[in-house]
Amino acid sequence: MRKIISSVLLFMISFLSYTQNTVFTQTIRGTVLDEQSGHTIGSVTITVDGIRPSIAAMSDSGGNFKLHQVPIGRQTIRASF
């Protein structure tokens, strides 16, 4: 009986330590458009402010981009040529 209880406790401690190290993230995706013409813009660098290590992506020829593994919550996104 003690062996079973010890095994269950060991499993629970291992599981809890694993879940505490899990960071929930999101993927942000979008399209870069010229404000005046409405045309898509390629080769624009998209960054997330205040994140270390930095998270960045470049828009493709259709203006589309994806930022992976961004922490959950409000983020400030910047676009630059």
PDB file of N, CA and C in Angstrom:
ATOM      1  N   MET A   1       0.824  -1.197   0.000  1.00  0.00           N
ATOM      2  CA  MET A   1       0.000   0.000   0.000  1.00  0.00           C
ATOM      3  C   MET A   1       0.868   1.262   0.000  1.00  0.00           C
ATOM      4  N   ARG A   2       1.920   1.248   0.786  1.00  0.00           N
ATOM      5  CA  ARG A   2       2.817   2.405   0.825  1.00  0.00           C
ATOM      6  C   ARG A   2       3.465   2.647  -0.537  1.00  0.00           C
ATOM      7  N   LYS A   3       3.782   1.559  -1.231  1.00  0.00           N
ATOM      8  CA  LYS A   3       4.424   1.672  -2.536  1.00  0.00           C
ATOM      9  C   LYS A   3       3.489   2.357  -3.536  1.00  0.00           C
ATOM     10  N   ILE A   4       2.215   2.029  -3.483  1.00  0.00           N
ATOM     11  CA  ILE A   4       1.236   2.639  -4.386  1.00  0.00           C
ATOM     12  C   ILE A   4       1.088   4.127  -4.073  1.00  0.00           C
ATOM     13  N   ILE A   5       0.971   4.470  -2.802  1.00  0.00           N
ATOM     14  CA  ILE A   5       0.833   5.869  -2.402  1.00  0.00           C
ATOM     15  C   ILE A   5       2.076   6.666  -2.801  1.00  0.00           C
ATOM     16  N   SER A   6       3.235   6.094  -2.597  1.00  0.00           N
ATOM     17  CA  SER A   6       4.486   6.765  -2.979  1.00  0.00           C
ATOM     18  C   SER A   6       4.542   6.990  -4.493  1.00  0.00           C
ATOM     19  N   SER A   7       4.113   6.000  -5.253  1.00  0.00           N
ATOM     20  CA  SER A   7       4.117   6.127  -6.708  1.00  0.00           C
ATOM     21  C   SER A   7       3.160   7.217  -7.173  1.00  0.00           C
ATOM     22  N   VAL A   8       1.981   7.266  -6.580  1.00  0.00           N
ATOM     23  CA  VAL A   8       0.992   8.280  -6.938  1.00  0.00           C
ATOM     24  C   VAL A   8       1.509   9.673  -6.586  1.00  0.00           C
ATOM     25  N   LEU A   9       2.097   9.833  -5.416  1.00  0.00           N
ATOM     26  CA  LEU A   9       2.645  11.126  -5.013  1.00  0.00           C
ATOM     27  C   LEU A   9       3.776  11.564  -5.942  1.00  0.00           C
ATOM     28  N   LEU A  10       4.640  10.642  -6.308  1.00  0.00           N
ATOM     29  CA  LEU A  10       5.732  10.961  -7.217  1.00  0.00           C
ATOM     30  C   LEU A  10       5.189  11.411  -8.574  1.00  0.00           C
ATOM     31  N   PHE A  11       4.171  10.724  -9.061  1.00  0.00           N
ATOM     32  CA  PHE A  11       3.551  11.099 -10.327  1.00  0.00           C
ATOM     33  C   PHE A  11       2.938  12.492 -10.240  1.00  0.00           C
ATOM     34  N   MET A  12       2.216  12.794  -9.165  1.00  0.00           N
ATOM     35  CA  MET A  12       1.571  14.094  -9.004  1.00  0.00           C
ATOM     36  C   MET A  12       2.600  15.227  -8.921  1.00  0.00           C
ATOM     37  N   ILE A  13       3.683  15.010  -8.217  1.00  0.00           N
ATOM     38  CA  ILE A  13       4.729  16.027  -8.110  1.00  0.00           C
ATOM     39  C   ILE A  13       5.370  16.266  -9.469  1.00  0.00           C
ATOM     40  N   SER A  14       5.634  15.207 -10.207  1.00  0.00           N
ATOM     41  CA  SER A  14       6.218  15.341 -11.538  1.00  0.00           C
ATOM     42  C   SER A  14       5.273  16.093 -12.466  1.00  0.00           C
ATOM     43  N   PHE A  15       4.005  15.769 -12.420  1.00  0.00           N
ATOM     44  CA  PHE A  15       3.018  16.424 -13.268  1.00  0.00           C
ATOM     45  C   PHE A  15       2.898  17.910 -12.932  1.00  0.00           C
ATOM     46  N   LEU A  16       2.847  18.247 -11.655  1.00  0.00           N
ATOM     47  CA  LEU A  16       2.725  19.643 -11.253  1.00  0.00           C
ATOM     48  C   LEU A  16       3.952  20.455 -11.641  1.00  0.00           C
ATOM     49  N   SER A  17       5.131  19.894 -11.505  1.00  0.00           N
ATOM     50  CA  SER A  17       6.334  20.635 -11.883  1.00  0.00           C
ATOM     51  C   SER A  17       6.376  20.844 -13.396  1.00  0.00           C
ATOM     52  N   TYR A  18       5.864  19.913 -14.173  1.00  0.00           N
ATOM     53  CA  TYR A  18       5.808  20.069 -15.631  1.00  0.00           C
ATOM     54  C   TYR A  18       4.833  21.173 -16.023  1.00  0.00           C
ATOM     55  N   THR A  19       3.651  21.203 -15.430  1.00  0.00           N
ATOM     56  CA  THR A  19       2.638  22.179 -15.809  1.00  0.00           C
ATOM     57  C   THR A  19       3.013  23.589 -15.381  1.00  0.00           C
ATOM     58  N   GLN A  20       3.824  23.757 -14.340  1.00  0.00           N
ATOM     59  CA  GLN A  20       4.230  25.092 -13.910  1.00  0.00           C
ATOM     60  C   GLN A  20       5.189  25.723 -14.907  1.00  0.00           C
ATOM     61  N   ASN A  21       5.908  24.927 -15.683  1.00  0.00           N
ATOM     62  CA  ASN A  21       6.856  25.447 -16.654  1.00  0.00           C
ATOM     63  C   ASN A  21       6.225  25.689 -18.014  1.00  0.00           C
ATOM     64  N   THR A  22       4.951  25.391 -18.168  1.00  0.00           N
ATOM     65  CA  THR A  22       4.260  25.570 -19.442  1.00  0.00           C
ATOM     66  C   THR A  22       3.860  27.032 -19.606  1.00  0.00           C
ATOM     67  N   VAL A  23       4.261  27.636 -20.724  1.00  0.00           N
ATOM     68  CA  VAL A  23       3.886  29.012 -21.035  1.00  0.00           C
ATOM     69  C   VAL A  23       2.920  28.969 -22.208  1.00  0.00           C
ATOM     70  N   PHE A  24       1.774  29.579 -22.024  1.00  0.00           N
ATOM     71  CA  PHE A  24       0.776  29.586 -23.089  1.00  0.00           C
ATOM     72  C   PHE A  24       1.110  30.686 -24.080  1.00  0.00           C
ATOM     73  N   THR A  25       1.033  30.353 -25.359  1.00  0.00           N
ATOM     74  CA  THR A  25       1.368  31.310 -26.407  1.00  0.00           C
ATOM     75  C   THR A  25       0.270  31.356 -27.457  1.00  0.00           C
ATOM     76  N   GLN A  26       0.386  32.325 -28.329  1.00  0.00           N
ATOM     77  CA  GLN A  26      -0.572  32.493 -29.415  1.00  0.00           C
ATOM     78  C   GLN A  26       0.181  32.794 -30.702  1.00  0.00           C
ATOM     79  N   THR A  27      -0.480  32.632 -31.819  1.00  0.00           N
ATOM     80  CA  THR A  27       0.064  33.020 -33.112  1.00  0.00           C
ATOM     81  C   THR A  27      -0.717  34.225 -33.594  1.00  0.00           C
ATOM     82  N   ILE A  28       0.014  35.270 -33.950  1.00  0.00           N
ATOM     83  CA  ILE A  28      -0.604  36.485 -34.484  1.00  0.00           C
ATOM     84  C   ILE A  28      -0.336  36.494 -35.982  1.00  0.00           C
ATOM     85  N   ARG A  29      -1.377  36.659 -36.753  1.00  0.00           N
ATOM     86  CA  ARG A  29      -1.203  36.711 -38.203  1.00  0.00           C
ATOM     87  C   ARG A  29      -2.030  37.865 -38.757  1.00  0.00           C
ATOM     88  N   GLY A  30      -1.581  38.367 -39.906  1.00  0.00           N
ATOM     89  CA  GLY A  30      -2.290  39.487 -40.498  1.00  0.00           C
ATOM     90  C   GLY A  30      -1.747  39.818 -41.867  1.00  0.00           C
ATOM     91  N   THR A  31      -2.211  40.924 -42.393  1.00  0.00           N
ATOM     92  CA  THR A  31      -1.806  41.400 -43.706  1.00  0.00           C
ATOM     93  C   THR A  31      -1.440  42.873 -43.593  1.00  0.00           C
ATOM     94  N   VAL A  32      -0.303  43.243 -44.166  1.00  0.00           N
ATOM     95  CA  VAL A  32       0.149  44.634 -44.160  1.00  0.00           C
ATOM     96  C   VAL A  32      -0.433  45.324 -45.393  1.00  0.00           C
ATOM     97  N   LEU A  33      -1.161  46.412 -45.144  1.00  0.00           N
ATOM     98  CA  LEU A  33      -1.799  47.171 -46.226  1.00  0.00           C
ATOM     99  C   LEU A  33      -1.329  48.613 -46.197  1.00  0.00           C
ATOM    100  N   ASP A  34      -1.204  49.214 -47.381  1.00  0.00           N
ATOM    101  CA  ASP A  34      -0.928  50.637 -47.485  1.00  0.00           C
ATOM    102  C   ASP A  34      -2.199  51.375 -47.079  1.00  0.00           C
ATOM    103  N   GLU A  35      -2.071  52.338 -46.178  1.00  0.00           N
ATOM    104  CA  GLU A  35      -3.243  53.027 -45.642  1.00  0.00           C
ATOM    105  C   GLU A  35      -3.994  53.822 -46.712  1.00  0.00           C
ATOM    106  N   GLN A  36      -3.273  54.409 -47.639  1.00  0.00           N
ATOM    107  CA  GLN A  36      -3.922  55.257 -48.642  1.00  0.00           C
ATOM    108  C   GLN A  36      -4.478  54.459 -49.821  1.00  0.00           C
ATOM    109  N   SER A  37      -3.658  53.550 -50.368  1.00  0.00           N
ATOM    110  CA  SER A  37      -4.093  52.829 -51.570  1.00  0.00           C
ATOM    111  C   SER A  37      -4.834  51.531 -51.266  1.00  0.00           C
ATOM    112  N   GLY A  38      -4.563  50.948 -50.090  1.00  0.00           N
ATOM    113  CA  GLY A  38      -5.184  49.670 -49.742  1.00  0.00           C
ATOM    114  C   GLY A  38      -4.464  48.470 -50.330  1.00  0.00           C
ATOM    115  N   HIS A  39      -3.351  48.701 -51.062  1.00  0.00           N
ATOM    116  CA  HIS A  39      -2.570  47.606 -51.639  1.00  0.00           C
ATOM    117  C   HIS A  39      -1.735  46.918 -50.558  1.00  0.00           C
ATOM    118  N   THR A  40      -1.490  45.627 -50.750  1.00  0.00           N
ATOM    119  CA  THR A  40      -0.647  44.888 -49.807  1.00  0.00           C
ATOM    120  C   THR A  40       0.810  45.297 -49.983  1.00  0.00           C
ATOM    121  N   ILE A  41       1.580  45.186 -48.885  1.00  0.00           N
ATOM    122  CA  ILE A  41       2.989  45.569 -48.911  1.00  0.00           C
ATOM    123  C   ILE A  41       3.829  44.382 -48.456  1.00  0.00           C
ATOM    124  N   GLY A  42       4.782  43.990 -49.287  1.00  0.00           N
ATOM    125  CA  GLY A  42       5.691  42.889 -48.950  1.00  0.00           C
ATOM    126  C   GLY A  42       6.991  43.398 -48.359  1.00  0.00           C
ATOM    127  N   SER A  43       7.758  42.488 -47.778  1.00  0.00           N
ATOM    128  CA  SER A  43       9.081  42.768 -47.194  1.00  0.00           C
ATOM    129  C   SER A  43       9.040  43.791 -46.068  1.00  0.00           C
ATOM    130  N   VAL A  44       7.978  43.777 -45.282  1.00  0.00           N
ATOM    131  CA  VAL A  44       7.863  44.642 -44.112  1.00  0.00           C
ATOM    132  C   VAL A  44       8.218  43.799 -42.889  1.00  0.00           C
ATOM    133  N   THR A  45       9.045  44.347 -42.008  1.00  0.00           N
ATOM    134  CA  THR A  45       9.419  43.643 -40.781  1.00  0.00           C
ATOM    135  C   THR A  45       8.380  43.945 -39.704  1.00  0.00           C
ATOM    136  N   ILE A  46       7.817  42.896 -39.132  1.00  0.00           N
ATOM    137  CA  ILE A  46       6.811  42.998 -38.085  1.00  0.00           C
ATOM    138  C   ILE A  46       7.460  42.507 -36.791  1.00  0.00           C
ATOM    139  N   THR A  47       7.417  43.311 -35.715  1.00  0.00           N
ATOM    140  CA  THR A  47       8.021  42.926 -34.436  1.00  0.00           C
ATOM    141  C   THR A  47       7.016  43.091 -33.296  1.00  0.00           C
ATOM    142  N   VAL A  48       7.249  42.349 -32.227  1.00  0.00           N
ATOM    143  CA  VAL A  48       6.459  42.474 -31.003  1.00  0.00           C
ATOM    144  C   VAL A  48       7.325  43.239 -30.012  1.00  0.00           C
ATOM    145  N   ASP A  49       6.850  44.381 -29.526  1.00  0.00           N
ATOM    146  CA  ASP A  49       7.619  45.196 -28.581  1.00  0.00           C
ATOM    147  C   ASP A  49       7.631  44.570 -27.190  1.00  0.00           C
ATOM    148  N   GLY A  50       8.756  44.742 -26.499  1.00  0.00           N
ATOM    149  CA  GLY A  50       8.847  44.349 -25.092  1.00  0.00           C
ATOM    150  C   GLY A  50       8.988  42.867 -24.835  1.00  0.00           C
ATOM    151  N   ILE A  51       9.303  42.069 -25.804  1.00  0.00           N
ATOM    152  CA  ILE A  51       9.452  40.627 -25.644  1.00  0.00           C
ATOM    153  C   ILE A  51      10.928  40.277 -25.790  1.00  0.00           C
ATOM    154  N   ARG A  52      11.462  39.524 -24.855  1.00  0.00           N
ATOM    155  CA  ARG A  52      12.843  39.026 -24.937  1.00  0.00           C
ATOM    156  C   ARG A  52      12.827  37.532 -24.794  1.00  0.00           C
ATOM    157  N   PRO A  53      13.419  36.750 -25.688  1.00  0.00           N
ATOM    158  CA  PRO A  53      14.073  37.183 -26.919  1.00  0.00           C
ATOM    159  C   PRO A  53      13.046  37.753 -27.889  1.00  0.00           C
ATOM    160  N   SER A  54      13.513  38.589 -28.782  1.00  0.00           N
ATOM    161  CA  SER A  54      12.607  39.298 -29.686  1.00  0.00           C
ATOM    162  C   SER A  54      11.873  38.329 -30.612  1.00  0.00           C
ATOM    163  N   ILE A  55      10.667  38.718 -30.972  1.00  0.00           N
ATOM    164  CA  ILE A  55       9.841  37.943 -31.894  1.00  0.00           C
ATOM    165  C   ILE A  55       9.590  38.828 -33.110  1.00  0.00           C
ATOM    166  N   ALA A  56       9.927  38.322 -34.292  1.00  0.00           N
ATOM    167  CA  ALA A  56       9.769  39.120 -35.504  1.00  0.00           C
ATOM    168  C   ALA A  56       9.432  38.219 -36.684  1.00  0.00           C
ATOM    169  N   ALA A  57       8.858  38.831 -37.708  1.00  0.00           N
ATOM    170  CA  ALA A  57       8.548  38.137 -38.958  1.00  0.00           C
ATOM    171  C   ALA A  57       8.612  39.157 -40.084  1.00  0.00           C
ATOM    172  N   MET A  58       8.686  38.667 -41.312  1.00  0.00           N
ATOM    173  CA  MET A  58       8.677  39.538 -42.476  1.00  0.00           C
ATOM    174  C   MET A  58       7.472  39.177 -43.334  1.00  0.00           C
ATOM    175  N   SER A  59       6.781  40.202 -43.821  1.00  0.00           N
ATOM    176  CA  SER A  59       5.617  39.934 -44.661  1.00  0.00           C
ATOM    177  C   SER A  59       6.069  39.411 -46.028  1.00  0.00           C
ATOM    178  N   ASP A  60       5.264  38.510 -46.590  1.00  0.00           N
ATOM    179  CA  ASP A  60       5.579  37.955 -47.911  1.00  0.00           C
ATOM    180  C   ASP A  60       5.118  38.925 -49.008  1.00  0.00           C
ATOM    181  N   SER A  61       5.216  38.517 -50.249  1.00  0.00           N
ATOM    182  CA  SER A  61       4.871  39.400 -51.370  1.00  0.00           C
ATOM    183  C   SER A  61       3.389  39.802 -51.354  1.00  0.00           C
ATOM    184  N   GLY A  62       2.552  39.003 -50.697  1.00  0.00           N
ATOM    185  CA  GLY A  62       1.135  39.331 -50.568  1.00  0.00           C
ATOM    186  C   GLY A  62       0.816  40.133 -49.330  1.00  0.00           C
ATOM    187  N   GLY A  63       1.859  40.528 -48.566  1.00  0.00           N
ATOM    188  CA  GLY A  63       1.667  41.310 -47.349  1.00  0.00           C
ATOM    189  C   GLY A  63       1.327  40.495 -46.120  1.00  0.00           C
ATOM    190  N   ASN A  64       1.268  39.163 -46.245  1.00  0.00           N
ATOM    191  CA  ASN A  64       0.881  38.295 -45.128  1.00  0.00           C
ATOM    192  C   ASN A  64       2.065  38.012 -44.212  1.00  0.00           C
ATOM    193  N   PHE A  65       1.774  37.913 -42.906  1.00  0.00           N
ATOM    194  CA  PHE A  65       2.805  37.569 -41.929  1.00  0.00           C
ATOM    195  C   PHE A  65       2.213  36.716 -40.810  1.00  0.00           C
ATOM    196  N   LYS A  66       3.101  36.003 -40.089  1.00  0.00           N
ATOM    197  CA  LYS A  66       2.717  35.229 -38.905  1.00  0.00           C
ATOM    198  C   LYS A  66       3.798  35.397 -37.851  1.00  0.00           C
ATOM    199  N   LEU A  67       3.384  35.687 -36.636  1.00  0.00           N
ATOM    200  CA  LEU A  67       4.284  35.759 -35.484  1.00  0.00           C
ATOM    201  C   LEU A  67       3.930  34.584 -34.577  1.00  0.00           C
ATOM    202  N   HIS A  68       4.863  33.663 -34.395  1.00  0.00           N
ATOM    203  CA  HIS A  68       4.622  32.451 -33.614  1.00  0.00           C
ATOM    204  C   HIS A  68       5.130  32.604 -32.185  1.00  0.00           C
ATOM    205  N   GLN A  69       4.509  31.893 -31.280  1.00  0.00           N
ATOM    206  CA  GLN A  69       4.896  31.785 -29.873  1.00  0.00           C
ATOM    207  C   GLN A  69       4.944  33.139 -29.166  1.00  0.00           C
ATOM    208  N   VAL A  70       3.923  33.940 -29.404  1.00  0.00           N
ATOM    209  CA  VAL A  70       3.776  35.220 -28.721  1.00  0.00           C
ATOM    210  C   VAL A  70       3.029  34.949 -27.420  1.00  0.00           C
ATOM    211  N   PRO A  71       3.542  35.429 -26.277  1.00  0.00           N
ATOM    212  CA  PRO A  71       2.834  35.199 -25.012  1.00  0.00           C
ATOM    213  C   PRO A  71       1.401  35.729 -25.066  1.00  0.00           C
ATOM    214  N   ILE A  72       0.498  35.022 -24.396  1.00  0.00           N
ATOM    215  CA  ILE A  72      -0.908  35.404 -24.342  1.00  0.00           C
ATOM    216  C   ILE A  72      -1.038  36.779 -23.681  1.00  0.00           C
ATOM    217  N   GLY A  73      -1.934  37.589 -24.198  1.00  0.00           N
ATOM    218  CA  GLY A  73      -2.193  38.910 -23.610  1.00  0.00           C
ATOM    219  C   GLY A  73      -2.046  40.000 -24.656  1.00  0.00           C
ATOM    220  N   ARG A  74      -2.253  41.232 -24.209  1.00  0.00           N
ATOM    221  CA  ARG A  74      -2.115  42.381 -25.111  1.00  0.00           C
ATOM    222  C   ARG A  74      -0.655  42.585 -25.473  1.00  0.00           C
ATOM    223  N   GLN A  75      -0.402  42.808 -26.746  1.00  0.00           N
ATOM    224  CA  GLN A  75       0.964  43.029 -27.238  1.00  0.00           C
ATOM    225  C   GLN A  75       0.952  44.254 -28.153  1.00  0.00           C
ATOM    226  N   THR A  76       2.089  44.934 -28.214  1.00  0.00           N
ATOM    227  CA  THR A  76       2.260  46.049 -29.141  1.00  0.00           C
ATOM    228  C   THR A  76       3.040  45.548 -30.343  1.00  0.00           C
ATOM    229  N   ILE A  77       2.457  45.715 -31.524  1.00  0.00           N
ATOM    230  CA  ILE A  77       3.061  45.226 -32.767  1.00  0.00           C
ATOM    231  C   ILE A  77       3.551  46.437 -33.564  1.00  0.00           C
ATOM    232  N   ARG A  78       4.757  46.344 -34.115  1.00  0.00           N
ATOM    233  CA  ARG A  78       5.320  47.413 -34.944  1.00  0.00           C
ATOM    234  C   ARG A  78       5.651  46.886 -36.325  1.00  0.00           C
ATOM    235  N   ALA A  79       5.435  47.733 -37.323  1.00  0.00           N
ATOM    236  CA  ALA A  79       5.789  47.390 -38.702  1.00  0.00           C
ATOM    237  C   ALA A  79       6.783  48.444 -39.195  1.00  0.00           C
ATOM    238  N   SER A  80       7.833  47.968 -39.885  1.00  0.00           N
ATOM    239  CA  SER A  80       8.829  48.917 -40.412  1.00  0.00           C
ATOM    240  C   SER A  80       9.392  48.378 -41.724  1.00  0.00           C
ATOM    241  N   PHE A  81       9.818  49.321 -42.572  1.00  0.00           N
ATOM    242  CA  PHE A  81      10.452  48.979 -43.841  1.00  0.00           C
ATOM    243  C   PHE A  81      11.906  48.723 -43.603  1.00  0.00           C
TER     244      PHE A  81
END
